[in-house]
Amino acid sequence: MTFKRPSPSDTYELYLQKHDIPNPGKSQVLVQMLAAPINPLDLLVLQDKYPVKPQNYQHDRAIPGYDGVARVIALGEKVNSLQEGDRIIIKNHGLGTWRTHAILSVHDTLRIPDDMELGAAAILRMGIMMAYLMMESNTGAVRKGDWIIMNGGTSVIAHFLGQFAHAKGLKVISIIRNRKDAAATATMLKRHGADIVLQDHEVEMTAQMQHKRIMLGFDAVFGGSGNQLMNCISPGGTYVAYGFLGGLGAGSELLIGQELIFVKYLTLKAFRLSAALAAMTEDEQSALCDWISTELQKGRLTMPCLEHVEWNGEAPDEKMLKEAIHKASVGGLGQCKQVFLFS
């Protein structure tokens, strides 16, 4: 799948294009995609609102998709770290995973356990690993019984942040957008780690956060929602920005006043997955993937709701694929994550 030009709306100019499957170069691998999610980041790319642009093109059209799992089907002559049949995830942004086959540098791949369920593998890097690394890198000043607060509460990342927080003895406040099905959404989120679930409009008027040590805040939205979250953090706590789902431009700024810096002395940080992974060796990344796989298999981590959308390589249903992207962009709040499943 490709797109010719960015669109500021959910009406994306997407095209399905057939192409020949080339042979890999000396340090490259040919992979067959197995599953690829439709992430909020991908939608920002389609709108030209994400700083990392697509790196691969087909007939002058960019190939979207920044995450996914694939199977190695051919190796370049200098590749000795992988074998045909290995499962890999894509290590870097911008490589284009919304396609049936891809030529990749071996350095852009990371081998994962062969028995990991495809849905889990598809969200491994930008969902599970991201949540784990964010939690691990920001819990130095927290203690058992402290609270974390996060917005984007129905997201995959929030789903796993809550579970990793509970494993450390922390409690979780999850903020969701205002919605009609708030009670059902709250029940669902509490099954997966949230202790308190609040809609946006309830945050400033609730008494549920009084007398709680809220020492960590994770912001996926930025702008007004980020300011709201920051104001909830206790003195000496840490605010972590890791996304800007609220978009860019007017109204997306954080307002940092004297109270936050001098009175509450908050620590303000940004988290970038690419930087966190770059600080790890490949063996460390592989070990983390193995550990996550084991935690999932033993039920100590639970999966979020995923909706598989079949991508038949021989006869893809273009209308269905585009509808899945549209659904991810404007669908119901808290819906299942859309994941392309290649066949």
Protein backbone atom coordinates (compact mmCIF):
# COMPACT_ATOMS: atom_id res chain seq x y z
CA MET A 1 0.00 0.00 0.00
CA THR A 2 1.25 3.49 -0.81
CA PHE A 3 0.16 7.10 -0.57
CA LYS A 4 0.99 9.89 -2.96
CA ARG A 5 0.58 12.93 -0.75
CA PRO A 6 -0.23 13.58 2.91
CA SER A 7 -3.80 14.39 3.88
CA PRO A 8 -4.81 16.46 6.88
CA SER A 9 -8.04 14.51 7.25
CA ASP A 10 -9.05 10.86 7.47
CA THR A 11 -9.66 10.75 3.70
CA TYR A 12 -6.31 9.32 2.72
CA GLU A 13 -5.22 8.82 -0.88
CA LEU A 14 -4.10 5.22 -0.55
CA TYR A 15 -3.21 2.85 -3.37
CA LEU A 16 -2.59 -0.87 -3.64
CA GLN A 17 0.27 -1.50 -6.06
CA LYS A 18 1.73 -4.74 -7.34
CA HIS A 19 5.50 -5.05 -7.61
CA ASP A 20 8.16 -7.60 -8.41
CA ILE A 21 9.93 -9.28 -5.52
CA PRO A 22 13.67 -8.59 -5.85
CA ASN A 23 16.58 -10.57 -4.47
CA PRO A 24 18.29 -9.26 -1.34
CA GLY A 25 21.68 -7.55 -1.50
CA LYS A 26 24.71 -8.87 0.33
CA SER A 27 23.73 -7.49 3.76
CA GLN A 28 19.98 -7.56 3.22
CA VAL A 29 17.12 -9.96 3.84
CA LEU A 30 13.90 -10.54 1.95
CA VAL A 31 10.98 -10.83 4.34
CA GLN A 32 7.32 -11.74 4.01
CA MET A 33 5.13 -9.65 6.29
CA LEU A 34 2.99 -11.62 8.72
CA ALA A 35 1.19 -8.89 10.65
CA ALA A 36 1.31 -5.09 10.90
CA PRO A 37 -0.74 -2.84 13.18
CA ILE A 38 -2.40 0.44 12.32
CA ASN A 39 -0.93 2.67 15.01
CA PRO A 40 -1.82 6.29 15.82
CA LEU A 41 1.70 7.13 14.68
CA ASP A 42 0.92 5.70 11.23
CA LEU A 43 -2.07 8.03 10.93
CA LEU A 44 0.12 10.99 11.86
CA VAL A 45 2.51 9.94 9.08
CA LEU A 46 -0.36 9.91 6.57
CA GLN A 47 -1.22 13.44 7.70
CA ASP A 48 2.42 14.61 7.52
CA LYS A 49 2.39 15.32 11.26
CA TYR A 50 5.20 12.99 12.28
CA PRO A 51 8.86 14.03 11.99
CA VAL A 52 10.22 10.67 10.75
CA LYS A 53 9.15 10.36 7.11
CA PRO A 54 8.75 7.15 5.08
CA GLN A 55 12.04 5.88 3.67
CA ASN A 56 10.78 3.49 1.01
CA TYR A 57 8.78 4.26 -2.12
CA GLN A 58 7.07 2.44 -4.95
CA HIS A 59 6.68 4.48 -8.15
CA ASP A 60 7.25 7.74 -6.26
CA ARG A 61 4.64 6.88 -3.67
CA ALA A 62 5.57 6.40 -0.01
CA ILE A 63 5.01 3.05 1.73
CA PRO A 64 3.43 3.58 5.20
CA GLY A 65 3.46 1.30 8.22
CA TYR A 66 6.12 1.69 10.92
CA ASP A 67 5.69 -1.53 12.91
CA GLY A 68 5.17 -5.22 12.27
CA VAL A 69 6.42 -8.80 12.29
CA ALA A 70 7.74 -10.74 9.29
CA ARG A 71 9.32 -14.04 8.27
CA VAL A 72 12.73 -14.19 6.61
CA ILE A 73 12.46 -15.96 3.25
CA ALA A 74 15.84 -15.15 1.64
CA LEU A 75 19.25 -13.99 2.84
CA GLY A 76 22.04 -11.93 1.35
CA GLU A 77 25.38 -13.73 1.13
CA LYS A 78 26.93 -11.77 4.03
CA VAL A 79 24.02 -12.34 6.44
CA ASN A 80 24.91 -14.91 9.09
CA SER A 81 22.86 -13.70 12.06
CA LEU A 82 19.54 -14.91 10.65
CA GLN A 83 18.21 -18.01 8.93
CA GLU A 84 15.39 -18.54 6.49
CA GLY A 85 12.19 -19.03 8.43
CA ASP A 86 13.20 -16.80 11.34
CA ARG A 87 10.63 -14.36 12.64
CA ILE A 88 11.75 -10.76 12.96
CA ILE A 89 10.32 -7.43 13.99
CA ILE A 90 11.18 -4.14 12.31
CA LYS A 91 13.63 -2.17 14.47
CA ASN A 92 13.36 1.30 12.97
CA HIS A 93 10.70 3.79 11.91
CA GLY A 94 9.88 4.62 8.32
CA LEU A 95 10.60 1.30 6.61
CA GLY A 96 7.08 0.58 5.37
CA THR A 97 5.30 -2.50 6.74
CA TRP A 98 1.96 -2.18 4.94
CA ARG A 99 3.09 -4.50 2.15
CA THR A 100 3.39 -8.22 1.61
CA HIS A 101 7.17 -8.34 1.05
CA ALA A 102 10.12 -6.09 1.81
CA ILE A 103 13.87 -5.92 1.34
CA LEU A 104 15.49 -4.81 4.58
CA SER A 105 18.99 -4.27 5.86
CA VAL A 106 19.80 -7.00 8.36
CA HIS A 107 20.55 -4.18 10.82
CA ASP A 108 16.90 -3.12 10.67
CA THR A 109 15.68 -6.48 11.96
CA LEU A 110 15.49 -8.15 15.36
CA ARG A 111 14.85 -11.88 15.71
CA ILE A 112 12.00 -12.80 18.06
CA PRO A 113 10.71 -16.13 19.43
CA ASP A 114 9.06 -18.25 16.75
CA ASP A 115 6.18 -19.22 19.02
CA MET A 116 5.03 -15.70 19.88
CA GLU A 117 1.43 -15.15 18.80
CA LEU A 118 1.28 -12.94 15.71
CA GLY A 119 -0.90 -10.27 17.27
CA ALA A 120 1.53 -9.90 20.17
CA ALA A 121 4.50 -9.83 17.82
CA ALA A 122 2.86 -7.11 15.72
CA ILE A 123 2.57 -4.76 18.71
CA LEU A 124 5.76 -5.90 20.43
CA ARG A 125 8.12 -3.03 19.61
CA MET A 126 5.89 0.05 19.70
CA GLY A 127 3.46 -1.32 22.27
CA ILE A 128 4.85 -3.77 24.81
CA MET A 129 8.56 -2.95 24.65
CA MET A 130 7.83 0.78 24.70
CA ALA A 131 5.64 0.49 27.80
CA TYR A 132 8.21 -1.65 29.59
CA LEU A 133 11.16 0.62 28.83
CA MET A 134 9.22 3.76 29.78
CA MET A 135 8.30 2.24 33.12
CA GLU A 136 11.76 0.87 33.84
CA SER A 137 13.53 4.13 33.05
CA ASN A 138 11.32 6.29 35.27
CA THR A 139 10.70 4.39 38.50
CA GLY A 140 13.88 5.31 40.36
CA ALA A 141 12.13 7.73 42.73
CA VAL A 142 8.88 5.85 43.24
CA ARG A 143 8.06 3.40 45.97
CA LYS A 144 5.52 0.65 46.46
CA GLY A 145 2.06 2.10 46.95
CA ASP A 146 2.72 5.22 44.88
CA TRP A 147 0.43 6.11 41.99
CA ILE A 148 1.00 6.76 38.31
CA ILE A 149 -1.38 8.72 36.09
CA MET A 150 -1.68 8.46 32.31
CA ASN A 151 -3.89 9.76 29.53
CA GLY A 152 -4.75 7.88 26.34
CA GLY A 153 -6.08 5.25 28.70
CA THR A 154 -7.54 2.92 26.06
CA SER A 155 -4.31 2.68 24.06
CA VAL A 156 -2.13 -0.41 23.74
CA ILE A 157 0.75 1.37 25.49
CA ALA A 158 -1.46 2.37 28.42
CA HIS A 159 -2.75 -1.20 28.58
CA PHE A 160 0.77 -2.48 29.25
CA LEU A 161 1.93 0.49 31.35
CA GLY A 162 -0.78 -0.37 33.84
CA GLN A 163 0.30 -3.99 34.04
CA PHE A 164 3.99 -3.14 34.47
CA ALA A 165 3.05 -0.59 37.15
CA HIS A 166 1.07 -3.16 39.11
CA ALA A 167 3.98 -5.60 38.92
CA LYS A 168 6.03 -2.96 40.79
CA GLY A 169 3.38 -2.45 43.44
CA LEU A 170 2.19 0.86 41.97
CA LYS A 171 -1.40 1.94 41.49
CA VAL A 172 -2.85 3.39 38.29
CA ILE A 173 -5.09 6.31 37.37
CA SER A 174 -6.16 6.12 33.75
CA ILE A 175 -7.67 9.10 31.93
CA ILE A 176 -9.95 8.48 28.95
CA ARG A 177 -11.73 10.86 26.61
CA ASN A 178 -15.33 11.79 27.39
CA ARG A 179 -17.68 9.11 26.07
CA LYS A 180 -21.13 7.61 26.40
CA ASP A 181 -19.82 4.13 27.26
CA ALA A 182 -17.57 5.35 30.08
CA ALA A 183 -18.80 2.79 32.63
CA ALA A 184 -18.18 -0.18 30.33
CA THR A 185 -14.79 1.22 29.29
CA ALA A 186 -13.80 1.72 32.94
CA THR A 187 -14.77 -1.87 33.77
CA MET A 188 -12.65 -3.15 30.91
CA LEU A 189 -9.63 -1.04 31.88
CA LYS A 190 -9.85 -2.10 35.52
CA ARG A 191 -9.63 -5.73 34.44
CA HIS A 192 -6.24 -4.91 32.90
CA GLY A 193 -4.60 -2.85 35.62
CA ALA A 194 -6.34 0.50 36.11
CA ASP A 195 -7.39 1.26 39.69
CA ILE A 196 -9.18 4.55 38.92
CA VAL A 197 -10.60 5.51 35.52
CA LEU A 198 -11.59 9.12 34.87
CA GLN A 199 -13.01 10.90 31.86
CA ASP A 200 -11.31 14.14 30.82
CA HIS A 201 -14.04 16.30 32.32
CA GLU A 202 -13.86 14.51 35.67
CA VAL A 203 -10.15 15.05 36.33
CA GLU A 204 -10.31 18.56 37.77
CA MET A 205 -13.46 18.03 39.84
CA THR A 206 -12.85 14.60 41.37
CA ALA A 207 -11.84 13.99 44.96
CA GLN A 208 -10.41 10.58 44.10
CA MET A 209 -6.86 11.94 43.71
CA GLN A 210 -6.68 13.69 47.05
CA HIS A 211 -4.01 12.48 49.49
CA LYS A 212 -2.38 10.22 46.90
CA ARG A 213 1.32 10.25 46.02
CA ILE A 214 1.08 10.51 42.25
CA MET A 215 4.75 10.33 41.32
CA LEU A 216 4.68 9.49 37.62
CA GLY A 217 2.65 10.90 34.76
CA PHE A 218 2.72 9.49 31.22
CA ASP A 219 1.43 11.82 28.51
CA ALA A 220 0.51 10.48 25.08
CA VAL A 221 -1.52 13.51 24.01
CA PHE A 222 0.36 16.73 24.87
CA GLY A 223 -1.30 20.15 24.80
CA GLY A 224 -4.24 20.73 27.12
CA SER A 225 -4.48 17.09 28.17
CA GLY A 226 -0.79 17.11 29.04
CA ASN A 227 -1.22 20.24 31.16
CA GLN A 228 -4.12 18.64 32.96
CA LEU A 229 -2.08 15.53 33.67
CA MET A 230 0.95 17.54 34.83
CA ASN A 231 -1.16 19.42 37.36
CA CYS A 232 -2.16 16.10 38.95
CA ILE A 233 1.40 14.98 39.71
CA SER A 234 2.58 15.30 43.30
CA PRO A 235 5.56 17.47 44.31
CA GLY A 236 8.84 15.85 43.34
CA GLY A 237 7.17 13.68 40.71
CA THR A 238 8.07 13.08 37.07
CA TYR A 239 6.16 13.96 33.93
CA VAL A 240 7.01 11.90 30.81
CA ALA A 241 5.87 12.97 27.34
CA TYR A 242 5.90 10.17 24.77
CA GLY A 243 3.39 11.23 22.11
CA PHE A 244 1.28 14.01 20.67
CA LEU A 245 -2.02 12.41 19.75
CA GLY A 246 -3.65 15.80 20.18
CA GLY A 247 -1.87 16.95 17.05
CA LEU A 248 0.49 19.80 16.34
CA GLY A 249 -0.02 23.52 15.90
CA ALA A 250 -2.10 26.04 17.84
CA GLY A 251 -3.37 24.69 21.15
CA SER A 252 -0.82 21.88 21.32
CA GLU A 253 1.64 23.66 23.60
CA LEU A 254 2.42 22.80 27.20
CA LEU A 255 2.00 25.69 29.65
CA ILE A 256 4.73 25.39 32.26
CA GLY A 257 4.29 27.93 35.03
CA GLN A 258 6.31 28.75 38.14
CA GLU A 259 4.24 26.45 40.33
CA LEU A 260 5.24 23.33 38.40
CA ILE A 261 8.95 24.17 38.46
CA PHE A 262 9.54 26.02 41.73
CA VAL A 263 6.70 24.87 43.97
CA LYS A 264 6.12 21.29 42.84
CA TYR A 265 9.69 20.91 41.42
CA LEU A 266 8.54 18.40 38.83
CA THR A 267 10.98 16.65 36.55
CA LEU A 268 9.90 16.99 32.91
CA LYS A 269 11.15 14.36 30.48
CA ALA A 270 10.54 13.05 26.99
CA PHE A 271 10.73 9.38 26.05
CA ARG A 272 11.77 8.27 22.58
CA LEU A 273 11.68 4.57 21.82
CA SER A 274 14.40 4.83 19.17
CA ALA A 275 16.82 6.34 21.69
CA ALA A 276 15.97 3.77 24.36
CA LEU A 277 16.55 0.87 21.96
CA ALA A 278 19.76 2.42 20.65
CA ALA A 279 21.13 2.36 24.22
CA MET A 280 20.63 -1.42 24.34
CA THR A 281 22.73 -4.12 22.71
CA GLU A 282 21.02 -6.49 20.29
CA ASP A 283 21.43 -9.28 22.86
CA GLU A 284 19.66 -7.12 25.46
CA GLN A 285 16.82 -6.39 23.05
CA SER A 286 16.48 -10.08 22.20
CA ALA A 287 16.47 -11.02 25.88
CA LEU A 288 13.67 -8.51 26.50
CA CYS A 289 11.63 -10.01 23.65
CA ASP A 290 12.16 -13.51 25.09
CA TRP A 291 11.08 -12.34 28.56
CA ILE A 292 7.94 -10.65 27.21
CA SER A 293 7.05 -13.79 25.26
CA THR A 294 7.34 -15.87 28.44
CA GLU A 295 5.25 -13.41 30.46
CA LEU A 296 2.50 -13.55 27.83
CA GLN A 297 2.57 -17.34 27.63
CA LYS A 298 2.32 -17.68 31.41
CA GLY A 299 -0.54 -15.19 31.60
CA ARG A 300 1.36 -12.65 33.68
CA LEU A 301 0.79 -10.17 30.86
CA THR A 302 -2.57 -9.98 29.13
CA MET A 303 -3.22 -8.80 25.60
CA PRO A 304 -5.46 -5.90 24.59
CA CYS A 305 -8.31 -6.34 22.15
CA LEU A 306 -7.05 -6.73 18.57
CA GLU A 307 -9.13 -6.95 15.40
CA HIS A 308 -7.38 -8.86 12.63
CA VAL A 309 -7.95 -7.58 9.12
CA GLU A 310 -7.03 -10.15 6.47
CA TRP A 311 -4.64 -8.99 3.76
CA ASN A 312 -4.72 -11.66 1.08
CA GLY A 313 -1.51 -11.31 -0.86
CA GLU A 314 -2.96 -12.90 -3.99
CA ALA A 315 -6.23 -10.99 -4.07
CA PRO A 316 -6.31 -8.23 -1.43
CA ASP A 317 -9.66 -6.65 -0.65
CA GLU A 318 -8.68 -3.00 -1.15
CA LYS A 319 -11.98 -1.68 0.17
CA MET A 320 -11.69 -3.69 3.41
CA LEU A 321 -8.08 -2.60 3.99
CA LYS A 322 -8.96 1.06 3.53
CA GLU A 323 -11.99 0.68 5.79
CA ALA A 324 -9.72 -0.66 8.53
CA ILE A 325 -7.50 2.43 8.25
CA HIS A 326 -10.57 4.66 8.28
CA LYS A 327 -11.90 2.81 11.33
CA ALA A 328 -8.59 3.27 13.15
CA SER A 329 -8.71 6.98 12.32
CA VAL A 330 -12.30 7.91 13.16
CA GLY A 331 -13.84 4.79 14.68
CA GLY A 332 -15.41 4.36 18.08
CA LEU A 333 -13.48 5.39 21.14
CA GLY A 334 -11.71 2.48 22.78
CA GLN A 335 -12.27 0.13 19.86
CA CYS A 336 -10.03 -2.88 19.20
CA LYS A 337 -6.71 -2.08 17.56
CA GLN A 338 -6.74 -2.84 13.83
CA VAL A 339 -3.99 -5.25 12.75
CA PHE A 340 -3.32 -6.36 9.18
CA LEU A 341 -2.87 -10.14 9.08
CA PHE A 342 -1.14 -11.22 5.87
CA SER A 343 -2.00 -14.49 4.15
